[in-house]
Amino acid sequence: MKALTNDEKSKAKSKNRKTAMAETNTKAMKKDYELKPTFRLALLGLLTAIMFIMNFTPLGYLKTPVLSITFMTIPVIMAAILLKPVDAAIIGGIFGLTSFITAVTGGSALTSSLFQINPWLTAVLCFVPRILEGFLGALIFRGLRRIDKTKMISYAVTSLSVPLMNTLFFMSTLFLLFYQSEPIRNIAEKAGATNPFTLLFAMAGINALIEAIVCFIIGTAISKALAVVAAKTKMYA
């Protein structure tokens, strides 16, 4: 076997060091956002409880004549940042469940009227957009976290994208399933909206902006603070 020269040995050692550093960084990144199973389940339970408390108190919604401004996306943001994508989808599903309960019990004029038209499509409207926003929000955070040198952009972008996706997915599903229904036609007539785009602005415009700004600020602050606490208390795997 041919003996390695000093230069070749040096290159081999350098390559091994780089490989070891890459593996260490990968493990560190993985640990950075995966909680230990006990803490993960505890946080899932806590966020679920917060969802129900917010839904059945004034904390969750700010009522307006057409659509409510919801702050229910804040726990979804927290799940997207602190937990796994499947966990964030679960919390999004809990959001959908509370929304569907509100539709069934008459707590929302719009979704309650849609429930009377078609309960199954109303369930799709309540659940699918919220599950997607949680799952995709978690994927966005994980993708950005790998390249985010500031350690803040990933938190901010995720906290902004989740409420925006909530509005986009909910309104898109609403128009897809119920655009020709009587409740939507009545809203369109009162708002003088002649096409889906003007109706979207009439129904969501300012509300969506307020919702996004509030959830962006609160979601970023709380999630970042909890992530710091989790790291200091060794809650990560």
Protein backbone atom coordinates (compact mmCIF):
# COMPACT_ATOMS: atom_id res chain seq x y z
CA MET A 1 0.00 0.00 0.00
CA LYS A 2 1.33 3.40 -0.96
CA ALA A 3 2.20 5.61 2.02
CA LEU A 4 0.48 8.99 2.20
CA THR A 5 2.59 12.11 2.01
CA ASN A 6 2.37 14.74 4.72
CA ASP A 7 0.37 16.96 2.37
CA GLU A 8 -2.12 14.17 1.65
CA LYS A 9 -2.44 13.39 5.36
CA SER A 10 -3.12 17.06 6.07
CA LYS A 11 -5.84 17.19 3.39
CA ALA A 12 -7.42 13.99 4.74
CA LYS A 13 -7.49 15.38 8.29
CA SER A 14 -8.99 18.64 7.05
CA LYS A 15 -11.70 16.75 5.15
CA ASN A 16 -12.51 14.65 8.23
CA ARG A 17 -12.78 17.77 10.36
CA LYS A 18 -15.15 19.41 7.89
CA THR A 19 -17.29 16.28 7.76
CA ALA A 20 -17.41 16.11 11.57
CA MET A 21 -18.33 19.80 11.80
CA ALA A 22 -21.11 19.38 9.24
CA GLU A 23 -22.55 16.42 11.18
CA THR A 24 -22.33 18.39 14.43
CA ASN A 25 -24.10 21.38 12.89
CA THR A 26 -26.83 19.16 11.48
CA LYS A 27 -27.42 17.58 14.90
CA ALA A 28 -27.37 20.97 16.58
CA MET A 29 -29.91 22.35 14.12
CA LYS A 30 -32.14 19.35 14.69
CA LYS A 31 -31.96 19.76 18.46
CA ASP A 32 -32.67 23.45 18.11
CA TYR A 33 -36.33 22.95 17.29
CA GLU A 34 -37.31 19.47 18.47
CA LEU A 35 -38.59 19.33 22.03
CA LYS A 36 -38.26 16.27 24.20
CA PRO A 37 -41.38 14.04 23.99
CA THR A 38 -42.62 15.01 27.46
CA PHE A 39 -42.39 18.74 26.79
CA ARG A 40 -43.81 18.28 23.30
CA LEU A 41 -46.96 16.59 24.63
CA ALA A 42 -47.27 19.13 27.43
CA LEU A 43 -47.07 22.03 24.96
CA LEU A 44 -49.59 20.36 22.66
CA GLY A 45 -52.02 20.06 25.57
CA LEU A 46 -51.39 23.63 26.68
CA LEU A 47 -51.93 25.09 23.20
CA THR A 48 -55.12 23.03 22.82
CA ALA A 49 -56.44 24.42 26.11
CA ILE A 50 -55.49 27.96 25.06
CA MET A 51 -57.38 27.46 21.79
CA PHE A 52 -60.61 26.54 23.57
CA ILE A 53 -60.24 29.35 26.11
CA MET A 54 -59.67 31.91 23.36
CA ASN A 55 -62.57 30.60 21.28
CA PHE A 56 -65.14 30.83 24.07
CA THR A 57 -63.96 34.17 25.47
CA PRO A 58 -63.45 37.60 23.86
CA LEU A 59 -59.71 36.84 23.61
CA GLY A 60 -60.06 34.88 20.38
CA TYR A 61 -62.12 37.14 18.15
CA LEU A 62 -62.84 40.79 17.55
CA LYS A 63 -66.35 40.89 16.10
CA THR A 64 -67.08 43.01 12.99
CA PRO A 65 -70.25 43.30 10.87
CA VAL A 66 -69.01 40.87 8.17
CA LEU A 67 -66.07 38.76 9.37
CA SER A 68 -64.42 38.52 12.76
CA ILE A 69 -60.78 39.45 13.26
CA THR A 70 -59.29 36.33 14.80
CA PHE A 71 -56.26 36.01 17.05
CA MET A 72 -56.62 32.23 17.12
CA THR A 73 -53.65 31.96 14.77
CA ILE A 74 -51.26 32.93 17.59
CA PRO A 75 -51.24 29.41 19.15
CA VAL A 76 -50.85 28.00 15.62
CA ILE A 77 -47.79 30.23 15.15
CA MET A 78 -46.35 28.97 18.44
CA ALA A 79 -46.91 25.36 17.36
CA ALA A 80 -45.35 25.99 13.95
CA ILE A 81 -42.21 27.40 15.56
CA LEU A 82 -41.82 25.22 18.64
CA LEU A 83 -43.21 21.88 17.51
CA LYS A 84 -43.10 19.53 14.52
CA PRO A 85 -45.15 20.11 11.34
CA VAL A 86 -47.59 17.35 12.28
CA ASP A 87 -48.07 18.96 15.71
CA ALA A 88 -48.69 22.36 14.11
CA ALA A 89 -51.25 20.69 11.82
CA ILE A 90 -52.95 19.23 14.91
CA ILE A 91 -53.18 22.65 16.56
CA GLY A 92 -54.48 24.03 13.27
CA GLY A 93 -57.07 21.25 13.36
CA ILE A 94 -58.06 22.29 16.89
CA PHE A 95 -58.54 25.82 15.53
CA GLY A 96 -60.77 24.30 12.84
CA LEU A 97 -62.70 22.32 15.45
CA THR A 98 -63.44 25.40 17.54
CA SER A 99 -64.51 27.23 14.38
CA PHE A 100 -66.83 24.37 13.43
CA ILE A 101 -68.32 24.28 16.95
CA THR A 102 -68.99 28.01 16.62
CA ALA A 103 -70.73 27.38 13.29
CA VAL A 104 -72.88 24.60 14.77
CA THR A 105 -73.86 26.58 17.87
CA GLY A 106 -74.66 29.78 15.97
CA GLY A 107 -71.73 31.77 17.31
CA SER A 108 -70.80 33.04 13.84
CA ALA A 109 -73.47 34.50 11.58
CA LEU A 110 -71.63 33.59 8.37
CA THR A 111 -70.49 30.04 9.10
CA SER A 112 -73.75 29.26 10.89
CA SER A 113 -75.72 30.19 7.79
CA LEU A 114 -73.35 28.13 5.65
CA PHE A 115 -73.78 25.18 8.03
CA GLN A 116 -77.52 25.31 7.37
CA ILE A 117 -76.81 25.06 3.63
CA ASN A 118 -74.25 22.25 3.74
CA PRO A 119 -72.72 20.95 7.00
CA TRP A 120 -70.09 18.83 5.23
CA LEU A 121 -68.73 21.65 3.11
CA THR A 122 -68.77 23.90 6.17
CA ALA A 123 -66.60 21.33 7.96
CA VAL A 124 -64.16 21.43 5.02
CA LEU A 125 -64.15 25.23 5.22
CA CYS A 126 -63.41 25.19 8.94
CA PHE A 127 -60.79 22.43 9.06
CA VAL A 128 -58.76 22.31 5.83
CA PRO A 129 -57.44 25.91 5.73
CA ARG A 130 -56.42 25.80 9.42
CA ILE A 131 -54.67 22.42 9.16
CA LEU A 132 -52.76 23.62 6.09
CA GLU A 133 -51.67 26.89 7.70
CA GLY A 134 -50.22 25.04 10.69
CA PHE A 135 -48.41 22.42 8.64
CA LEU A 136 -47.04 24.84 6.04
CA GLY A 137 -46.12 27.39 8.72
CA ALA A 138 -43.94 24.78 10.43
CA LEU A 139 -42.28 23.88 7.11
CA ILE A 140 -41.58 27.57 6.44
CA PHE A 141 -39.97 27.96 9.86
CA ARG A 142 -37.82 24.86 9.47
CA GLY A 143 -36.70 25.89 6.02
CA LEU A 144 -35.75 29.41 7.06
CA ARG A 145 -34.14 28.31 10.34
CA ARG A 146 -31.42 26.49 8.41
CA ILE A 147 -30.29 29.66 6.61
CA ASP A 148 -31.32 32.37 9.08
CA LYS A 149 -28.11 33.83 10.48
CA THR A 150 -29.96 36.56 12.38
CA LYS A 151 -32.04 33.98 14.30
CA MET A 152 -35.03 36.33 14.03
CA ILE A 153 -36.11 36.35 10.37
CA SER A 154 -37.46 32.80 10.61
CA TYR A 155 -39.59 33.75 13.64
CA ALA A 156 -40.89 36.94 12.03
CA VAL A 157 -41.67 35.43 8.62
CA THR A 158 -43.47 32.46 10.18
CA SER A 159 -45.49 34.71 12.49
CA LEU A 160 -46.57 36.81 9.51
CA SER A 161 -47.18 33.97 7.06
CA VAL A 162 -49.55 31.96 9.31
CA PRO A 163 -52.27 34.67 9.66
CA LEU A 164 -51.89 35.58 5.99
CA MET A 165 -52.32 31.93 5.01
CA ASN A 166 -55.33 31.74 7.32
CA THR A 167 -57.03 34.55 5.41
CA LEU A 168 -55.93 33.33 1.97
CA PHE A 169 -56.88 29.68 2.50
CA PHE A 170 -60.15 30.44 4.29
CA MET A 171 -61.37 32.97 1.73
CA SER A 172 -60.25 30.82 -1.20
CA THR A 173 -62.11 27.80 0.21
CA LEU A 174 -65.14 29.96 1.01
CA PHE A 175 -65.37 31.26 -2.55
CA LEU A 176 -64.68 27.83 -4.04
CA LEU A 177 -67.42 26.11 -2.03
CA PHE A 178 -70.01 28.82 -1.36
CA TYR A 179 -69.52 31.70 -3.82
CA GLN A 180 -72.98 31.21 -5.36
CA SER A 181 -74.73 30.70 -2.00
CA GLU A 182 -77.31 33.17 -0.72
CA PRO A 183 -75.28 34.45 2.28
CA ILE A 184 -72.31 35.32 0.06
CA ARG A 185 -74.55 36.92 -2.58
CA ASN A 186 -76.17 39.05 0.11
CA ILE A 187 -72.78 40.25 1.33
CA ALA A 188 -71.74 41.01 -2.24
CA GLU A 189 -74.89 43.04 -2.87
CA LYS A 190 -74.51 45.08 0.32
CA ALA A 191 -70.83 45.75 -0.46
CA GLY A 192 -71.51 46.50 -4.13
CA ALA A 193 -68.94 43.86 -5.10
CA THR A 194 -69.24 42.71 -8.70
CA ASN A 195 -66.41 40.15 -8.77
CA PRO A 196 -64.50 37.88 -6.35
CA PHE A 197 -61.60 40.31 -5.96
CA THR A 198 -63.71 43.26 -4.83
CA LEU A 199 -65.73 40.92 -2.61
CA LEU A 200 -62.50 39.60 -1.07
CA PHE A 201 -61.41 43.13 -0.22
CA ALA A 202 -64.86 44.00 1.12
CA MET A 203 -64.95 40.96 3.38
CA ALA A 204 -61.34 40.66 4.49
CA GLY A 205 -59.34 43.78 3.49
CA ILE A 206 -58.72 45.84 6.65
CA ASN A 207 -59.59 42.93 8.94
CA ALA A 208 -56.88 40.74 7.41
CA LEU A 209 -54.31 43.54 7.73
CA ILE A 210 -55.08 44.14 11.43
CA GLU A 211 -55.10 40.41 12.11
CA ALA A 212 -51.74 39.89 10.38
CA ILE A 213 -50.04 42.79 12.19
CA VAL A 214 -51.28 41.82 15.66
CA CYS A 215 -50.49 38.13 15.24
CA PHE A 216 -47.12 38.97 13.71
CA ILE A 217 -46.05 41.09 16.69
CA ILE A 218 -47.44 38.85 19.44
CA GLY A 219 -46.54 35.57 17.74
CA THR A 220 -42.93 36.60 17.11
CA ALA A 221 -42.41 37.90 20.65
CA ILE A 222 -43.98 34.95 22.47
CA SER A 223 -42.47 32.23 20.28
CA LYS A 224 -38.98 33.66 20.44
CA ALA A 225 -39.20 34.07 24.21
CA LEU A 226 -40.45 30.49 24.67
CA ALA A 227 -37.70 29.15 22.38
CA VAL A 228 -35.05 30.91 24.47
CA VAL A 229 -36.55 29.54 27.70
CA ALA A 230 -36.74 26.04 26.20
CA ALA A 231 -33.07 26.17 25.20
CA LYS A 232 -31.95 27.42 28.62
CA THR A 233 -33.97 24.83 30.50
CA LYS A 234 -32.78 22.02 28.21
CA MET A 235 -36.25 21.17 26.90
CA TYR A 236 -34.89 20.33 23.45
CA ALA A 237 -34.01 16.76 22.54
